[in-house]
Amino acid sequence: MIVDEFTGRILSGRRYSEGLHQAIEAKESVHVEKDTQTLATITLQNYFRLYKKLAGMTGTAETESAEFFDIYKLDVTVIPTNMDCIRDDMNDLIYKTRREKYNAVIDEIVVMRSNRRPTLVGTTSVEVSETISRLLKRKSIPHEVLNAKQHAREAHIVENAGLPGAVTIATNMAGRGTDIKLGPGVAEAGGLHIVGTERHESRRIDRQLRGRAGRQGDPGSSKFYLSLEDDLMRLFGSDRIASVMQRLGIKEGEAIEHTMITNSVERAQKKVEENNYAIRKRLLEYDNVMNQQREVIYTKRRQALMGERLKDEIFEMVDKAVDSMVDKYYEDGNIDGLTDEVQRTFLVRMKITPEEFQKLGEKGVKDLVIKEAREFYDKKEERYGADLMGQIERFAMLNIIDEKWKEHLREMDDLKEGINFRAYGQKDPLLEYKTDGFKLFVEMLNTLSTGVINFIFKFTQQSPEEARNVRTPAQTNQSRLRTYHQSSEGMGYIGGSSEQEGQDGGGSHQPVKVGEKIGRNDPCFCGSGKKYRNCHGRSSKEAVK
């Protein structure tokens, strides 16, 4: 199971692709499941765009207002809180090492417990939450840990998180969308205290953590503890802050606290957010290519599901297939090649002389093939009935669309994986992806049409009388291959049975018993006294003649 490293929740149903999940399963000595294949794919942005109307409500959308407008054309409006927020958001404290930071967090928790104030410790990963838990156990401080292992107790843990002196360690999943009710005497002591063990890449997540305290006018406070070894600090500005700490002569265990430092961290977060947004936007541009193809395919699929008959669509496919066939053979005058392919595709045996071929012209030949194919289809419909043909059309369309679309998704994934290398050739990868993706899509539509035509035109169903007359391998003690009837009269399966087999009532074959051979000079078996050659032997010769 994949566990979200930030929230600690198990992502049920999700698996890594391209063999990565199987590699992890093999490494962990668990049962290796077979590789999965993508049947459908869509980005969240294009998924939301499927709705006619879009709206939402969240406490942390303000920092992402530019992205909401760029992607969805939605404005973000800030609604004032019901009661004024009196939470005290303190400046960040920055330490040199993680060890110093964690020790300071433990000391802060001890102070809060002595003041009978509840503390909610927010972590960026499950690993850090368990590290803080181990440190608290060494100090014999009772606490609750809320992560994937205790997700069933989430409501109970959050319910008690506001009691006097309670300590709750949680990933950023803790209590979102709920008010942590303060216990008796907590409001007078200062309310819920939030301790952040690290700044997240996104300001939204930090605001969500801070927002656990100070709700509905309750008192509260929040403070973040950082170190120069944190991922965010290492990426942005840790060298500059380290030199400042060295000049100031900061000793081990001491921290820097200044508004300038807090603002510097927020600027670093903005840079990461901008970079992540650029990645999401680029991903969306690639998915927009797939989205156009997706709309075409799902329109066809919806039509197959909801439409009463698909006969007109089948005939359109036939017309396009005939156009392609005639274009392929007409210019070279290859009549045999054309008639062979028509017979293979539509099971129509078309007879046309070279004179007729030239006289009809390219368009006339196309019209003739289309006419023959449609007549064969209509005869087939008369034989099986409109209801059955409608079911066959729907089944063929749905089955082949799903199969071809599944293969196309894999090809598009392979294309996208290596498309960025074309930038070395001074080409725009996105433009190259659009061009090559369109070619693959056109090829997929052609193979889709071919598959549907082959399925429908070559489908056959035996009548009860035919089924009774065809012997099974068990009955004949001999395997027989069923082949398609290669004629325009019909497509019934034939089992290789002879007329004699059809007349003997379907009984099993009897072995032929060969008696002793009679010589030509021996007495005839009829008792006439004549030699065999002059009696019944003579009649056998005449029959042969």
Protein backbone atom coordinates (compact mmCIF):
# COMPACT_ATOMS: atom_id res chain seq x y z
CA MET A 1 0.00 0.00 0.00
CA ILE A 2 1.20 3.52 -0.80
CA VAL A 3 1.22 5.89 2.19
CA ASP A 4 1.09 9.65 1.59
CA GLU A 5 4.26 10.94 3.20
CA PHE A 6 2.64 14.27 4.12
CA THR A 7 -0.75 13.24 5.50
CA GLY A 8 0.02 9.67 6.55
CA ARG A 9 -3.13 8.40 4.85
CA ILE A 10 -3.09 5.10 2.92
CA LEU A 11 -3.80 5.71 -0.76
CA SER A 12 -5.98 2.66 -1.35
CA GLY A 13 -6.30 1.49 -4.92
CA ARG A 14 -3.22 3.35 -6.14
CA ARG A 15 -0.16 1.61 -7.54
CA TYR A 16 3.06 2.83 -9.08
CA SER A 17 3.35 2.16 -12.81
CA GLU A 18 6.00 0.80 -15.19
CA GLY A 19 7.08 -2.02 -12.88
CA LEU A 20 8.09 0.20 -9.95
CA HIS A 21 5.40 -1.20 -7.66
CA GLN A 22 6.40 -4.76 -8.52
CA ALA A 23 10.03 -3.92 -7.71
CA ILE A 24 9.02 -2.62 -4.27
CA GLU A 25 6.87 -5.70 -3.65
CA ALA A 26 9.80 -7.96 -4.55
CA LYS A 27 12.14 -5.95 -2.29
CA GLU A 28 9.71 -6.20 0.64
CA SER A 29 9.18 -9.95 0.05
CA VAL A 30 5.43 -9.69 -0.44
CA HIS A 31 3.29 -11.20 -3.18
CA VAL A 32 4.16 -9.52 -6.49
CA GLU A 33 0.96 -8.51 -8.22
CA LYS A 34 0.72 -8.33 -11.99
CA ASP A 35 1.34 -5.03 -13.70
CA THR A 36 -1.70 -2.84 -14.22
CA GLN A 37 -2.64 -1.11 -17.42
CA THR A 38 -4.27 2.30 -17.60
CA LEU A 39 -7.84 2.10 -18.88
CA ALA A 40 -8.62 5.81 -18.52
CA THR A 41 -6.69 8.87 -17.44
CA ILE A 42 -7.48 12.53 -16.77
CA THR A 43 -5.95 15.35 -14.76
CA LEU A 44 -7.93 16.84 -11.89
CA GLN A 45 -8.09 20.17 -13.70
CA ASN A 46 -9.75 18.69 -16.79
CA TYR A 47 -11.95 16.51 -14.59
CA PHE A 48 -13.30 19.59 -12.81
CA ARG A 49 -13.79 21.35 -16.15
CA LEU A 50 -16.33 18.67 -17.09
CA TYR A 51 -18.79 20.33 -14.74
CA LYS A 52 -20.97 23.10 -16.15
CA LYS A 53 -20.61 25.16 -12.98
CA LEU A 54 -17.66 25.36 -10.61
CA ALA A 55 -17.42 26.81 -7.13
CA GLY A 56 -15.71 25.94 -3.87
CA MET A 57 -15.00 27.06 -0.36
CA THR A 58 -11.78 26.72 1.61
CA GLY A 59 -9.94 28.69 4.24
CA THR A 60 -6.67 28.76 2.33
CA ALA A 61 -7.47 29.64 -1.30
CA GLU A 62 -6.15 33.20 -1.13
CA THR A 63 -2.52 32.24 -1.74
CA GLU A 64 -3.54 30.28 -4.87
CA SER A 65 -5.87 32.91 -6.37
CA ALA A 66 -3.72 33.37 -9.50
CA GLU A 67 -3.83 29.64 -10.29
CA PHE A 68 -7.61 29.45 -9.78
CA PHE A 69 -8.07 32.24 -12.30
CA ASP A 70 -5.58 30.90 -14.86
CA ILE A 71 -6.95 27.35 -14.84
CA TYR A 72 -10.66 27.76 -14.07
CA LYS A 73 -11.30 31.49 -14.66
CA LEU A 74 -12.57 31.71 -11.08
CA ASP A 75 -12.04 34.67 -8.76
CA VAL A 76 -11.23 34.15 -5.09
CA THR A 77 -13.27 36.23 -2.67
CA VAL A 78 -12.26 36.48 0.99
CA ILE A 79 -15.24 36.32 3.35
CA PRO A 80 -14.67 37.90 6.80
CA THR A 81 -14.77 35.49 9.73
CA ASN A 82 -17.87 35.24 11.91
CA MET A 83 -15.84 36.44 14.90
CA ASP A 84 -12.53 38.24 14.93
CA CYS A 85 -9.47 36.00 15.03
CA ILE A 86 -7.38 36.79 18.13
CA ARG A 87 -4.80 34.03 17.63
CA ASP A 88 -1.20 35.09 18.25
CA ASP A 89 0.95 33.99 15.30
CA MET A 90 4.52 34.31 16.55
CA ASN A 91 7.69 34.67 14.49
CA ASP A 92 9.56 31.54 13.44
CA LEU A 93 12.48 30.26 15.50
CA ILE A 94 15.49 29.06 13.50
CA TYR A 95 18.11 26.68 14.90
CA LYS A 96 21.33 25.38 13.38
CA THR A 97 20.48 21.66 13.50
CA ARG A 98 17.41 19.44 13.58
CA ARG A 99 18.47 18.00 16.92
CA GLU A 100 18.44 21.45 18.53
CA LYS A 101 15.08 22.18 16.93
CA TYR A 102 13.46 18.98 18.23
CA ASN A 103 14.83 19.60 21.75
CA ALA A 104 13.32 23.11 21.65
CA VAL A 105 9.95 21.66 20.56
CA ILE A 106 9.98 19.24 23.53
CA ASP A 107 10.82 22.09 25.91
CA GLU A 108 7.94 24.13 24.49
CA ILE A 109 5.54 21.23 25.03
CA VAL A 110 6.68 20.88 28.65
CA VAL A 111 6.03 24.60 29.26
CA MET A 112 2.54 24.37 27.71
CA ARG A 113 1.66 21.35 29.85
CA SER A 114 2.75 23.18 32.98
CA ASN A 115 0.41 26.02 31.97
CA ARG A 116 -2.46 23.53 31.42
CA ARG A 117 -2.65 24.47 27.74
CA PRO A 118 -3.28 21.81 25.03
CA THR A 119 -0.63 21.54 22.30
CA LEU A 120 -1.06 20.38 18.71
CA VAL A 121 2.29 19.49 17.12
CA GLY A 122 2.17 19.56 13.33
CA THR A 123 4.69 17.63 11.25
CA THR A 124 5.34 17.48 7.51
CA SER A 125 5.70 13.68 7.42
CA VAL A 126 4.83 10.53 9.35
CA GLU A 127 8.54 9.95 10.02
CA VAL A 128 8.91 13.24 11.90
CA SER A 129 5.72 12.63 13.90
CA GLU A 130 7.12 9.33 15.14
CA THR A 131 10.47 10.97 15.96
CA ILE A 132 8.73 13.56 18.15
CA SER A 133 6.72 10.76 19.76
CA ARG A 134 9.90 8.88 20.73
CA LEU A 135 11.37 12.03 22.31
CA LEU A 136 8.20 12.59 24.34
CA LYS A 137 8.20 8.99 25.55
CA ARG A 138 11.73 9.50 26.90
CA LYS A 139 10.36 12.43 28.92
CA SER A 140 7.35 10.31 30.00
CA ILE A 141 4.94 12.86 28.54
CA PRO A 142 1.57 11.28 27.62
CA HIS A 143 0.48 12.13 24.08
CA GLU A 144 -1.51 10.96 21.07
CA VAL A 145 -0.08 10.37 17.58
CA LEU A 146 -2.44 10.83 14.65
CA ASN A 147 -1.23 9.27 11.40
CA ALA A 148 -2.17 6.41 9.07
CA LYS A 149 -1.80 3.83 11.83
CA GLN A 150 -4.46 5.52 13.97
CA HIS A 151 -6.78 6.82 11.23
CA ALA A 152 -9.73 4.88 12.71
CA ARG A 153 -9.34 6.86 15.96
CA GLU A 154 -8.99 10.24 14.22
CA ALA A 155 -12.31 11.64 15.43
CA HIS A 156 -11.66 10.52 19.03
CA ILE A 157 -8.12 11.98 19.06
CA VAL A 158 -9.25 15.33 17.62
CA GLU A 159 -12.17 15.41 20.10
CA ASN A 160 -9.75 15.28 23.03
CA ALA A 161 -7.07 17.52 21.50
CA GLY A 162 -8.42 20.62 23.29
CA LEU A 163 -8.41 19.21 26.85
CA PRO A 164 -6.10 20.86 29.44
CA GLY A 165 -2.48 19.75 29.00
CA ALA A 166 -3.29 17.41 26.05
CA VAL A 167 -0.49 16.79 23.56
CA THR A 168 -1.39 15.69 20.04
CA ILE A 169 1.17 14.97 17.32
CA ALA A 170 -0.21 14.87 13.82
CA THR A 171 0.60 15.19 10.17
CA ASN A 172 -1.20 17.99 8.34
CA MET A 173 -4.36 15.87 8.16
CA ALA A 174 -5.30 16.62 11.76
CA GLY A 175 -8.77 17.95 12.37
CA ARG A 176 -9.25 19.89 9.16
CA GLY A 177 -12.83 20.99 8.74
CA THR A 178 -13.62 20.65 12.45
CA ASP A 179 -13.40 22.93 15.46
CA ILE A 180 -11.19 21.58 18.26
CA LYS A 181 -13.36 22.19 21.30
CA LEU A 182 -11.44 23.75 24.20
CA GLY A 183 -11.67 22.03 27.59
CA PRO A 184 -12.54 23.71 30.90
CA GLY A 185 -10.15 26.52 31.83
CA VAL A 186 -8.19 26.31 28.56
CA ALA A 187 -9.50 29.58 27.12
CA GLU A 188 -8.46 31.45 30.28
CA ALA A 189 -4.97 29.86 30.05
CA GLY A 190 -4.45 31.09 26.46
CA GLY A 191 -6.21 28.50 24.30
CA LEU A 192 -4.80 25.85 21.97
CA HIS A 193 -1.12 26.22 21.09
CA ILE A 194 0.11 25.13 17.64
CA VAL A 195 3.71 24.00 17.23
CA GLY A 196 5.01 23.54 13.67
CA THR A 197 8.14 21.41 13.40
CA GLU A 198 8.94 22.56 9.85
CA ARG A 199 7.71 24.89 7.15
CA HIS A 200 5.88 23.12 4.36
CA GLU A 201 6.59 23.82 0.70
CA SER A 202 3.15 25.42 0.42
CA ARG A 203 1.94 28.30 2.58
CA ARG A 204 -1.56 26.82 2.37
CA ILE A 205 -0.56 23.81 4.48
CA ASP A 206 1.05 26.03 7.14
CA ARG A 207 -2.10 28.13 7.27
CA GLN A 208 -4.23 25.02 7.64
CA LEU A 209 -2.14 23.99 10.65
CA ARG A 210 -2.35 27.43 12.22
CA GLY A 211 -6.08 27.46 11.54
CA ARG A 212 -6.62 24.61 14.05
CA ALA A 213 -6.38 27.26 16.78
CA GLY A 214 -8.25 30.53 17.25
CA ARG A 215 -11.52 29.41 15.63
CA GLN A 216 -14.81 31.21 16.31
CA GLY A 217 -13.11 33.86 18.42
CA ASP A 218 -11.26 31.37 20.69
CA PRO A 219 -7.84 32.43 21.96
CA GLY A 220 -4.80 30.56 20.69
CA SER A 221 -1.24 30.85 19.47
CA SER A 222 1.11 29.32 16.91
CA LYS A 223 4.86 29.08 16.46
CA PHE A 224 7.07 27.32 13.89
CA TYR A 225 10.43 25.79 14.72
CA LEU A 226 12.91 25.57 11.84
CA SER A 227 16.49 24.47 11.34
CA LEU A 228 19.10 25.08 8.67
CA GLU A 229 18.93 21.34 7.89
CA ASP A 230 15.27 21.49 6.82
CA ASP A 231 14.61 20.82 3.14
CA LEU A 232 13.12 24.24 2.48
CA MET A 233 15.95 26.05 4.28
CA ARG A 234 18.63 24.06 2.45
CA LEU A 235 17.12 24.99 -0.91
CA PHE A 236 16.68 28.70 -0.16
CA GLY A 237 18.84 30.95 1.91
CA SER A 238 20.31 28.66 4.55
CA ASP A 239 23.88 29.76 3.73
CA ARG A 240 23.01 33.42 4.22
CA ILE A 241 21.21 32.78 7.50
CA ALA A 242 24.06 30.51 8.66
CA SER A 243 26.58 33.30 8.11
CA VAL A 244 24.36 35.72 10.06
CA MET A 245 24.11 33.24 12.94
CA GLN A 246 27.89 32.80 12.91
CA ARG A 247 28.53 36.58 13.00
CA LEU A 248 26.10 36.97 15.88
CA GLY A 249 27.88 34.21 17.78
CA ILE A 250 24.79 32.06 18.20
CA LYS A 251 25.59 29.16 20.51
CA GLU A 252 24.16 25.64 20.42
CA GLY A 253 20.53 25.57 21.47
CA GLU A 254 19.98 29.26 20.74
CA ALA A 255 17.69 30.44 17.96
CA ILE A 256 17.17 33.46 15.73
CA GLU A 257 13.77 35.10 15.91
CA HIS A 258 13.05 38.05 13.65
CA THR A 259 10.33 39.21 11.29
CA MET A 260 12.89 39.49 8.49
CA ILE A 261 13.73 35.78 8.84
CA THR A 262 10.03 34.82 8.80
CA ASN A 263 9.49 36.92 5.66
CA SER A 264 12.53 35.32 4.03
CA VAL A 265 11.05 31.85 4.64
CA GLU A 266 7.73 32.92 3.12
CA ARG A 267 9.53 34.22 0.02
CA ALA A 268 11.21 30.82 -0.31
CA GLN A 269 7.79 29.16 -0.07
CA LYS A 270 6.48 31.43 -2.83
CA LYS A 271 9.33 30.35 -5.10
CA VAL A 272 8.54 26.68 -4.51
CA GLU A 273 4.82 27.33 -5.10
CA GLU A 274 5.58 29.11 -8.38
CA ASN A 275 7.79 26.24 -9.49
CA ASN A 276 5.14 23.65 -8.58
CA TYR A 277 2.48 25.67 -10.37
CA ALA A 278 4.65 25.84 -13.50
CA ILE A 279 4.96 22.04 -13.39
CA ARG A 280 1.19 21.61 -12.98
CA LYS A 281 0.50 24.07 -15.77
CA ARG A 282 2.88 22.29 -18.12
CA LEU A 283 1.28 18.96 -17.23
CA LEU A 284 -2.13 20.45 -18.00
CA GLU A 285 -0.91 21.65 -21.41
CA TYR A 286 0.11 18.09 -22.21
CA ASP A 287 -3.19 16.75 -20.93
CA ASN A 288 -5.11 19.25 -23.06
CA VAL A 289 -3.79 17.32 -26.08
CA MET A 290 -5.15 14.11 -24.58
CA ASN A 291 -8.35 15.86 -23.57
CA GLN A 292 -9.28 16.64 -27.18
CA GLN A 293 -8.74 12.99 -28.11
CA ARG A 294 -10.59 11.88 -24.98
CA GLU A 295 -13.66 13.91 -25.97
CA VAL A 296 -13.76 12.28 -29.42
CA ILE A 297 -13.44 8.75 -28.04
CA TYR A 298 -15.91 9.21 -25.20
CA THR A 299 -18.42 10.78 -27.57
CA LYS A 300 -18.20 7.63 -29.71
CA ARG A 301 -18.45 5.46 -26.63
CA ARG A 302 -21.45 7.35 -25.24
CA GLN A 303 -23.15 7.05 -28.61
CA ALA A 304 -22.57 3.30 -28.57
CA LEU A 305 -24.03 3.06 -25.07
CA MET A 306 -27.03 5.32 -25.52
CA GLY A 307 -27.78 5.10 -29.25
CA GLU A 308 -30.51 2.80 -30.51
CA ARG A 309 -28.71 1.67 -33.68
CA LEU A 310 -25.18 2.24 -34.90
CA LYS A 311 -25.87 1.19 -38.50
CA ASP A 312 -25.21 4.66 -39.91
CA GLU A 313 -21.89 4.88 -38.05
CA ILE A 314 -20.92 1.42 -39.34
CA PHE A 315 -21.71 2.49 -42.91
CA GLU A 316 -19.56 5.61 -42.46
CA MET A 317 -16.68 3.36 -41.39
CA VAL A 318 -17.33 1.17 -44.44
CA ASP A 319 -17.23 4.22 -46.74
CA LYS A 320 -13.88 5.35 -45.32
CA ALA A 321 -12.45 1.83 -45.51
CA VAL A 322 -13.54 1.52 -49.17
CA ASP A 323 -12.01 4.92 -50.00
CA SER A 324 -8.72 3.74 -48.57
CA MET A 325 -8.85 0.40 -50.42
CA VAL A 326 -9.63 1.88 -53.83
CA ASP A 327 -7.01 4.62 -53.41
CA LYS A 328 -4.49 1.88 -52.68
CA TYR A 329 -5.18 -0.27 -55.76
CA TYR A 330 -6.87 1.85 -58.44
CA GLU A 331 -3.91 3.83 -59.69
CA ASP A 332 -1.94 0.65 -60.43
CA GLY A 333 -5.00 -1.07 -61.92
CA ASN A 334 -4.58 -3.94 -59.45
CA ILE A 335 -8.03 -5.49 -59.76
CA ASP A 336 -7.06 -8.78 -58.11
CA GLY A 337 -5.57 -6.99 -55.10
CA LEU A 338 -8.72 -4.92 -54.68
CA THR A 339 -11.13 -7.84 -54.99
CA ASP A 340 -9.05 -9.96 -52.61
CA GLU A 341 -9.03 -7.24 -49.94
CA VAL A 342 -12.75 -6.59 -50.38
CA GLN A 343 -13.42 -10.30 -49.89
CA ARG A 344 -11.13 -10.47 -46.83
CA THR A 345 -12.71 -7.42 -45.25
CA PHE A 346 -16.39 -7.59 -46.19
CA LEU A 347 -16.73 -11.26 -47.26
CA VAL A 348 -18.04 -10.02 -50.61
CA ARG A 349 -16.87 -11.85 -53.75
CA MET A 350 -16.87 -9.06 -56.30
CA LYS A 351 -16.47 -9.86 -59.99
CA ILE A 352 -15.32 -7.00 -62.19
CA THR A 353 -13.63 -7.10 -65.59
CA PRO A 354 -10.74 -4.76 -66.53
CA GLU A 355 -13.07 -2.99 -68.98
CA GLU A 356 -15.67 -2.35 -66.27
CA PHE A 357 -12.88 -1.28 -63.92
CA GLN A 358 -11.71 1.41 -66.34
CA LYS A 359 -15.20 2.41 -67.42
CA LEU A 360 -16.50 2.97 -63.89
CA GLY A 361 -13.56 5.15 -62.86
CA GLU A 362 -12.25 5.55 -59.34
CA LYS A 363 -15.48 6.98 -57.90
CA GLY A 364 -17.59 4.39 -59.69
CA VAL A 365 -15.49 1.54 -58.28
CA LYS A 366 -15.86 3.00 -54.79
CA ASP A 367 -19.63 3.25 -55.22
CA LEU A 368 -19.79 -0.34 -56.49
CA VAL A 369 -17.82 -1.73 -53.53
CA ILE A 370 -19.87 0.30 -51.06
CA LYS A 371 -23.10 -0.93 -52.68
CA GLU A 372 -21.97 -4.58 -52.49
CA ALA A 373 -20.86 -4.23 -48.86
CA ARG A 374 -24.10 -2.57 -47.80
CA GLU A 375 -26.21 -5.17 -49.58
CA PHE A 376 -24.32 -7.92 -47.80
CA TYR A 377 -24.88 -6.14 -44.49
CA ASP A 378 -28.60 -5.79 -45.18
CA LYS A 379 -28.89 -9.49 -46.05
CA LYS A 380 -27.13 -10.27 -42.81
CA GLU A 381 -29.60 -8.08 -40.94
CA GLU A 382 -32.54 -9.85 -42.61
CA ARG A 383 -31.09 -13.19 -41.57
CA TYR A 384 -30.40 -12.36 -37.90
CA GLY A 385 -32.97 -9.62 -37.27
CA ALA A 386 -32.57 -5.95 -36.41
CA ASP A 387 -32.49 -6.53 -32.63
CA LEU A 388 -29.60 -8.98 -32.73
CA MET A 389 -27.64 -6.83 -35.20
CA GLY A 390 -28.14 -3.83 -32.92
CA GLN A 391 -26.66 -5.78 -30.02
CA ILE A 392 -23.74 -6.94 -32.17
CA GLU A 393 -23.03 -3.38 -33.31
CA ARG A 394 -23.06 -2.05 -29.75
CA PHE A 395 -20.89 -4.88 -28.41
CA ALA A 396 -18.34 -4.54 -31.22
CA MET A 397 -18.11 -0.78 -30.87
CA LEU A 398 -17.70 -0.77 -27.08
CA ASN A 399 -15.31 -3.69 -26.98
CA ILE A 400 -12.98 -2.42 -29.69
CA ILE A 401 -13.07 1.21 -28.52
CA ASP A 402 -11.99 0.12 -25.03
CA GLU A 403 -9.24 -2.13 -26.39
CA LYS A 404 -7.80 0.40 -28.84
CA TRP A 405 -8.05 3.33 -26.40
CA LYS A 406 -6.20 1.31 -23.76
CA GLU A 407 -3.37 0.62 -26.21
CA HIS A 408 -3.37 4.28 -27.31
CA LEU A 409 -2.96 5.50 -23.73
CA ARG A 410 0.14 3.35 -23.33
CA GLU A 411 1.60 4.67 -26.59
CA MET A 412 0.93 8.26 -25.54
CA ASP A 413 2.62 7.63 -22.18
CA ASP A 414 5.66 6.24 -23.97
CA LEU A 415 5.69 9.26 -26.28
CA LYS A 416 5.49 11.75 -23.41
CA GLU A 417 8.24 10.00 -21.48
CA GLY A 418 10.93 10.77 -24.05
CA ILE A 419 9.54 13.86 -25.75
CA ASN A 420 11.59 16.30 -23.66
CA PHE A 421 14.82 15.07 -25.29
CA ARG A 422 13.72 16.82 -28.49
CA ALA A 423 14.52 20.11 -26.81
CA TYR A 424 18.19 19.27 -27.50
CA GLY A 425 17.32 19.50 -31.20
CA GLN A 426 15.96 23.05 -30.72
CA LYS A 427 12.37 21.80 -30.95
CA ASP A 428 9.46 22.58 -28.65
CA PRO A 429 8.60 19.30 -26.86
CA LEU A 430 4.95 20.32 -26.43
CA LEU A 431 4.54 21.08 -30.14
CA GLU A 432 6.24 17.79 -31.03
CA TYR A 433 3.95 15.97 -28.60
CA LYS A 434 0.89 17.51 -30.24
CA THR A 435 2.07 16.56 -33.74
CA ASP A 436 3.08 12.99 -32.96
CA GLY A 437 0.07 12.49 -30.67
CA PHE A 438 -2.28 13.49 -33.48
CA LYS A 439 -0.64 10.98 -35.86
CA LEU A 440 -1.01 8.21 -33.28
CA PHE A 441 -4.65 9.17 -32.73
CA VAL A 442 -5.48 9.07 -36.45
CA GLU A 443 -3.83 5.63 -36.72
CA MET A 444 -5.82 4.46 -33.69
CA LEU A 445 -9.12 5.63 -35.25
CA ASN A 446 -8.28 3.76 -38.46
CA THR A 447 -7.49 0.52 -36.63
CA LEU A 448 -10.64 1.02 -34.57
CA SER A 449 -12.79 1.24 -37.72
CA THR A 450 -11.06 -1.80 -39.20
CA GLY A 451 -11.62 -3.80 -36.02
CA VAL A 452 -15.32 -2.92 -35.86
CA ILE A 453 -15.86 -3.79 -39.54
CA ASN A 454 -14.03 -7.10 -39.21
CA PHE A 455 -16.01 -8.07 -36.13
CA ILE A 456 -19.44 -7.21 -37.50
CA PHE A 457 -19.04 -8.47 -41.06
CA LYS A 458 -17.44 -11.75 -39.98
CA PHE A 459 -19.81 -12.44 -37.13
CA THR A 460 -21.91 -15.54 -37.58
CA GLN A 461 -24.55 -17.40 -35.62
CA GLN A 462 -25.65 -20.96 -36.35
CA SER A 463 -29.30 -21.82 -36.68
CA PRO A 464 -30.54 -24.72 -34.51
CA GLU A 465 -30.73 -26.96 -37.62
CA GLU A 466 -27.10 -26.17 -38.52
CA ALA A 467 -25.98 -26.78 -34.97
CA ARG A 468 -27.61 -30.24 -34.92
CA ASN A 469 -25.97 -31.26 -38.19
CA VAL A 470 -22.45 -30.26 -37.20
CA ARG A 471 -20.67 -32.98 -35.23
CA THR A 472 -18.44 -32.17 -32.31
CA PRO A 473 -14.88 -33.55 -32.12
CA ALA A 474 -16.05 -35.94 -29.39
CA GLN A 475 -18.65 -37.39 -31.71
CA THR A 476 -16.38 -37.80 -34.71
CA ASN A 477 -13.24 -38.74 -32.78
CA GLN A 478 -11.54 -36.27 -35.04
CA SER A 479 -10.90 -32.54 -34.62
CA ARG A 480 -12.44 -30.39 -37.26
CA LEU A 481 -11.62 -26.74 -37.92
CA ARG A 482 -14.45 -24.30 -38.35
CA THR A 483 -13.89 -21.83 -41.14
CA TYR A 484 -15.76 -18.80 -42.38
CA HIS A 485 -17.84 -19.34 -45.48
CA GLN A 486 -16.07 -17.26 -48.13
CA SER A 487 -19.05 -16.16 -50.16
CA SER A 488 -21.45 -13.28 -50.35
CA GLU A 489 -24.39 -15.64 -49.69
CA GLY A 490 -23.74 -15.92 -45.99
CA MET A 491 -21.23 -16.37 -43.24
CA GLY A 492 -22.36 -19.58 -41.58
CA TYR A 493 -19.67 -21.71 -39.97
CA ILE A 494 -19.11 -25.01 -41.76
CA GLY A 495 -17.70 -27.97 -39.91
CA GLY A 496 -16.29 -29.85 -42.89
CA SER A 497 -19.20 -32.37 -42.91
CA SER A 498 -19.98 -34.24 -46.12
CA GLU A 499 -23.42 -35.01 -47.54
CA GLN A 500 -23.19 -38.57 -46.29
CA GLU A 501 -22.56 -37.29 -42.76
CA GLY A 502 -25.56 -35.02 -43.03
CA GLN A 503 -27.81 -37.93 -44.07
CA ASP A 504 -26.83 -40.48 -41.48
CA GLY A 505 -28.77 -38.75 -38.73
CA GLY A 506 -25.73 -37.53 -36.83
CA GLY A 507 -24.72 -41.08 -35.69
CA SER A 508 -21.14 -41.93 -34.90
CA HIS A 509 -18.82 -43.36 -37.55
CA GLN A 510 -18.69 -47.21 -37.64
CA PRO A 511 -15.38 -48.93 -38.37
CA VAL A 512 -15.15 -50.61 -41.78
CA LYS A 513 -14.63 -54.39 -41.39
CA VAL A 514 -12.54 -55.89 -44.18
CA GLY A 515 -13.08 -59.64 -44.73
CA GLU A 516 -10.81 -62.20 -46.44
CA LYS A 517 -9.95 -61.14 -49.97
CA ILE A 518 -11.43 -63.34 -52.82
CA GLY A 519 -9.09 -64.31 -55.61
CA ARG A 520 -10.22 -63.75 -59.21
CA ASN A 521 -10.10 -67.57 -59.98
CA ASP A 522 -11.81 -68.61 -56.70
CA PRO A 523 -15.44 -69.82 -56.68
CA CYS A 524 -17.86 -66.91 -56.36
CA PHE A 525 -19.32 -66.35 -52.91
CA CYS A 526 -22.92 -66.47 -54.29
CA GLY A 527 -22.81 -70.29 -54.77
CA SER A 528 -23.33 -70.23 -58.56
CA GLY A 529 -20.33 -72.49 -59.15
CA LYS A 530 -18.71 -69.95 -61.50
CA LYS A 531 -15.36 -68.34 -60.92
CA TYR A 532 -15.47 -65.00 -59.13
CA ARG A 533 -14.07 -63.16 -62.20
CA ASN A 534 -16.92 -64.49 -64.38
CA CYS A 535 -19.71 -63.80 -61.85
CA HIS A 536 -19.82 -60.96 -59.32
CA GLY A 537 -16.26 -59.99 -60.15
CA ARG A 538 -17.43 -59.08 -63.70
CA SER A 539 -20.20 -56.75 -62.37
CA SER A 540 -17.66 -54.93 -60.20
CA LYS A 541 -15.46 -54.31 -63.25
CA GLU A 542 -18.41 -52.93 -65.23
CA ALA A 543 -19.34 -50.64 -62.35
CA VAL A 544 -15.80 -49.30 -62.33
CA LYS A 545 -15.91 -48.72 -66.10
